Protein backbone atom coordinates (compact mmCIF):
# COMPACT_ATOMS: atom_id res chain seq x y z
CA UNK A 1 143.11 9.22 124.06
CA UNK A 2 143.97 9.73 127.75
CA UNK A 3 144.67 6.95 130.25
CA UNK A 4 145.77 7.68 133.82
CA UNK A 5 146.76 4.83 136.10
CA UNK A 6 147.17 5.35 139.84
CA UNK A 7 148.24 9.00 139.65
CA UNK A 8 149.37 10.45 142.96
CA UNK A 9 150.72 13.86 143.86
CA UNK A 10 152.40 14.69 147.13
CA UNK A 11 153.99 17.97 148.15
CA UNK A 12 155.87 17.60 151.42
CA UNK A 13 153.63 15.66 153.73
CA UNK A 14 150.45 16.70 151.93
CA UNK A 15 148.84 14.14 149.63
CA UNK A 16 146.90 16.02 146.96
CA UNK A 17 146.04 13.08 144.69
CA UNK A 18 145.64 9.57 146.11
CA UNK A 19 145.47 7.27 143.11
CA UNK A 20 143.58 8.63 140.11
CA UNK A 21 142.44 6.13 137.48
CA UNK A 22 140.84 7.78 134.47
CA UNK A 23 140.15 6.76 130.88
CA UNK A 24 138.95 9.28 128.29
CA UNK A 25 138.21 7.95 124.83
CA UNK A 26 138.99 9.86 121.67
CA UNK A 27 136.21 12.39 121.04
CA UNK A 28 134.78 12.04 124.55
CA UNK A 29 133.67 15.04 126.63
CA UNK A 30 134.38 14.49 130.33
CA UNK A 31 133.45 16.90 133.12
CA UNK A 32 135.06 16.80 136.54
CA UNK A 33 133.20 18.15 139.58
CA UNK A 34 134.46 18.52 143.12
CA UNK A 35 134.74 20.92 146.06
CA UNK A 36 137.62 23.35 146.47
CA UNK A 37 140.81 21.55 147.40
CA UNK A 38 139.71 18.23 145.92
CA UNK A 39 142.69 18.07 143.54
CA UNK A 40 140.90 18.99 140.31
CA UNK A 41 143.39 21.61 139.09
CA UNK A 42 146.32 19.39 140.06
CA UNK A 43 144.83 16.59 137.97
CA UNK A 44 144.41 18.91 135.00
CA UNK A 45 148.01 20.17 135.27
CA UNK A 46 149.27 16.60 135.17
CA UNK A 47 147.07 15.76 132.17
CA UNK A 48 148.35 18.94 130.49
CA UNK A 49 151.98 17.87 131.10
CA UNK A 50 152.52 21.01 133.18
CA UNK A 51 153.23 19.00 136.32
CA UNK A 52 154.59 15.53 137.01
CA UNK A 53 152.82 13.06 139.28
CA UNK A 54 154.62 11.68 142.31
CA UNK A 55 153.72 8.18 141.10
CA UNK A 56 151.50 6.49 138.57
CA UNK A 57 151.44 6.44 134.79
CA UNK A 58 149.89 8.68 132.14
CA UNK A 59 149.37 7.79 128.50
CA UNK A 60 148.21 10.15 125.76
CA UNK A 61 147.26 8.70 122.40
CA UNK A 62 148.72 5.40 123.60
CA UNK A 63 152.15 6.86 124.38
CA UNK A 64 153.81 7.08 127.80
CA UNK A 65 154.28 10.78 128.59
CA UNK A 66 157.54 10.03 130.39
CA UNK A 67 159.02 8.90 127.09
CA UNK A 68 157.19 11.11 124.60
CA UNK A 69 156.22 14.20 126.62
CA UNK A 70 157.81 16.74 124.29
CA UNK A 71 156.00 15.38 121.23
CA UNK A 72 152.67 15.00 123.04
CA UNK A 73 152.45 18.62 124.25
CA UNK A 74 151.33 19.72 120.80
CA UNK A 75 148.24 17.52 121.16
CA UNK A 76 146.97 19.49 124.15
CA UNK A 77 145.33 22.90 124.52
CA UNK A 78 144.69 24.46 127.95
CA UNK A 79 142.23 27.11 129.10
CA UNK A 80 142.57 28.12 132.75
CA UNK A 81 142.48 31.14 135.07
CA UNK A 82 145.94 32.06 133.77
CA UNK A 83 145.68 33.37 130.22
CA UNK A 84 149.35 32.62 129.41
CA UNK A 85 149.40 35.77 127.28
CA UNK A 86 152.20 38.34 126.89
CA UNK A 87 150.81 41.75 127.85
CA UNK A 88 153.36 43.71 125.79
CA UNK A 89 152.54 41.88 122.55
CA UNK A 90 149.60 42.43 120.23
CA UNK A 91 146.87 39.83 119.92
CA UNK A 92 148.32 38.67 116.62
CA UNK A 93 151.88 38.55 117.99
CA UNK A 94 150.74 36.39 120.90
CA UNK A 95 149.20 33.90 118.49
CA UNK A 96 152.25 34.05 116.23
CA UNK A 97 154.46 33.15 119.19
CA UNK A 98 152.39 30.11 120.14
CA UNK A 99 151.74 29.13 116.55
CA UNK A 100 155.47 29.08 115.73
CA UNK A 101 156.18 27.12 118.90
CA UNK A 102 153.74 24.45 117.72
CA UNK A 103 154.84 24.73 114.07
CA UNK A 104 151.32 25.49 112.86
CA UNK A 105 151.09 25.27 109.05
CA UNK A 106 149.74 28.30 107.18
CA UNK A 107 149.97 30.21 110.45
CA UNK A 108 148.86 33.64 109.25
CA UNK A 109 145.61 32.38 107.76
CA UNK A 110 145.02 30.25 110.88
CA UNK A 111 145.48 33.32 113.09
CA UNK A 112 143.01 35.31 111.01
CA UNK A 113 140.53 32.45 111.23
CA UNK A 114 140.78 31.96 115.00
CA UNK A 115 140.65 35.71 115.78
CA UNK A 116 137.46 35.93 113.73
CA UNK A 117 136.07 32.92 115.61
CA UNK A 118 136.58 34.59 119.03
CA UNK A 119 135.41 38.02 117.87
CA UNK A 120 138.79 39.76 118.05
CA UNK A 121 139.67 40.29 114.39
CA UNK A 122 139.20 44.04 114.88
CA UNK A 123 141.80 44.07 117.70
CA UNK A 124 144.51 41.95 116.04
CA UNK A 125 147.05 44.80 116.12
CA UNK A 126 146.19 46.05 119.61
CA UNK A 127 148.45 45.50 122.63
CA UNK A 128 147.06 42.72 124.80
CA UNK A 129 147.78 44.63 128.01
CA UNK A 130 145.11 47.16 127.03
CA UNK A 131 142.43 44.49 126.68
CA UNK A 132 139.55 44.06 129.11
CA UNK A 133 139.48 40.82 131.12
CA UNK A 134 136.82 39.43 128.80
CA UNK A 135 138.89 40.22 125.70
CA UNK A 136 141.95 38.62 127.27
CA UNK A 137 139.97 35.48 128.02
CA UNK A 138 138.74 35.35 124.44
CA UNK A 139 142.32 35.66 123.20
CA UNK A 140 143.31 32.91 125.64
CA UNK A 141 140.68 30.69 124.00
CA UNK A 142 142.26 31.48 120.62
CA UNK A 143 145.72 30.73 122.04
CA UNK A 144 144.60 27.32 123.27
CA UNK A 145 143.13 26.42 119.88
CA UNK A 146 145.56 28.00 117.41
CA UNK A 147 147.39 24.67 116.87
CA UNK A 148 144.08 22.79 116.58
CA UNK A 149 144.87 20.31 119.37
CA UNK A 150 142.87 17.07 119.52
CA UNK A 151 142.70 17.43 123.33
CA UNK A 152 141.34 20.47 125.18
CA UNK A 153 141.68 20.77 128.96
CA UNK A 154 139.70 23.50 130.73
CA UNK A 155 139.78 24.67 134.34
CA UNK A 156 136.68 26.75 135.18
CA UNK A 157 136.84 28.41 131.73
CA UNK A 158 133.69 30.51 132.22
CA UNK A 159 135.06 32.29 135.31
CA UNK A 160 135.58 35.99 134.63
CA UNK A 161 134.13 35.91 131.13
CA UNK A 162 131.79 38.62 129.91
CA UNK A 163 128.54 37.57 128.24
CA UNK A 164 130.02 37.79 124.74
CA UNK A 165 132.98 35.63 125.74
CA UNK A 166 130.68 33.07 127.39
CA UNK A 167 128.68 32.80 124.18
CA UNK A 168 131.85 32.42 122.11
CA UNK A 169 133.23 29.73 124.42
CA UNK A 170 129.94 27.81 124.31
CA UNK A 171 129.99 28.01 120.52
CA UNK A 172 133.59 26.82 120.42
CA UNK A 173 132.80 23.89 122.72
CA UNK A 174 129.86 22.92 120.54
CA UNK A 175 132.05 22.96 117.44
CA UNK A 176 134.72 20.90 119.22
CA UNK A 177 132.08 18.33 120.12
CA UNK A 178 130.99 18.14 116.50
CA UNK A 179 134.61 17.71 115.40
CA UNK A 180 135.22 14.87 117.85
CA UNK A 181 137.82 16.61 119.97
CA UNK A 182 138.58 15.13 123.37
CA UNK A 183 137.59 17.52 126.17
CA UNK A 184 138.25 17.48 129.93
CA UNK A 185 136.36 20.23 131.77
CA UNK A 186 136.55 21.28 135.42
CA UNK A 187 133.59 23.28 136.66
CA UNK A 188 131.31 23.93 139.61
CA UNK A 189 128.39 24.77 137.33
CA UNK A 190 126.11 21.75 136.94
CA UNK A 191 124.20 23.21 133.99
CA UNK A 192 127.31 24.01 131.97
CA UNK A 193 129.13 20.85 133.00
CA UNK A 194 126.36 18.38 132.25
CA UNK A 195 125.10 19.91 129.01
CA UNK A 196 127.60 18.30 126.63
CA UNK A 197 129.28 15.65 128.77
CA UNK A 198 129.57 12.00 127.85
CA UNK A 199 131.04 11.15 131.23
CA UNK A 200 131.15 12.93 134.60
CA UNK A 201 133.50 12.25 137.48
CA UNK A 202 133.31 13.52 141.05
CA UNK A 203 136.65 14.15 142.73
CA UNK A 204 136.85 14.54 146.50
CA UNK A 205 139.90 14.52 148.76
CA UNK A 206 142.20 13.47 145.92
CA UNK A 207 140.10 10.48 144.84
CA UNK A 208 137.49 9.87 142.15
CA UNK A 209 134.51 8.80 144.25
CA UNK A 210 131.91 8.49 141.49
CA UNK A 211 131.56 8.48 137.73
CA UNK A 212 128.49 8.23 135.53
CA UNK A 213 126.87 9.04 132.20
CA UNK A 214 124.95 12.29 132.79
CA UNK A 215 122.32 11.25 130.25
CA UNK A 216 121.21 8.54 132.68
CA UNK A 217 120.34 11.00 135.44
CA UNK A 218 118.48 14.31 135.85
CA UNK A 219 120.40 17.40 136.90
CA UNK A 220 118.65 17.51 140.25
CA UNK A 221 119.45 13.84 140.83
CA UNK A 222 123.08 14.55 139.96
CA UNK A 223 123.18 17.51 142.32
CA UNK A 224 121.88 15.36 145.17
CA UNK A 225 124.35 12.61 144.26
CA UNK A 226 127.21 15.10 144.24
CA UNK A 227 126.30 16.49 147.66
CA UNK A 228 126.07 12.96 149.05
CA UNK A 229 129.47 11.98 147.62
CA UNK A 230 131.13 15.07 149.08
CA UNK A 231 129.52 14.54 152.48
CA UNK A 232 130.47 10.86 152.66
CA UNK A 233 134.06 11.37 151.49
CA UNK A 234 134.93 14.20 153.85
């Protein structure tokens, strides 16, 4: 579903990514770990077609993003620190905006369904700017899923969530796994990151320094491996 070949990213004289090779199969759940400044968020932005690499190639669903980028954006949903919500619109209006942009069929019933899923059906007509941070994050989850994308990219999605939102996100992730969605998750939390992953990658100093199947290793062994990789690469 996703194939990255030699992705680099340079801003001025600073090299952020130094040749990323990554393959994510359809329906695979991949978690990316790495210290601050490793290039994780930059990688996700490139995969999400929000940023262009300085060099290298990226294919989504077998298509070169340089040639089919506009069409491929509808295949991707993004959850990050930025909610990408409009504070002066209601919850429903936010989802209507994104749903129309992605030409979601039967949009009104889809909005009702997704608001119910994230526990915000009662607040559909409320202005988003009045929402708590946890409610905004739940609406951001709904925004990322309203067009039912086959690919979901997440950058530290649990950060800033209240307990209810954490439970909802975990439930959503579990349902995505069951439905064979392709997921790329960035996190510092070993427990959350390893729980559902089919593949883990460790990114340090703009390079993938290790990858493995988390089912072949205990969490403590992975933690020790991670610390060793970071120490050796820096």
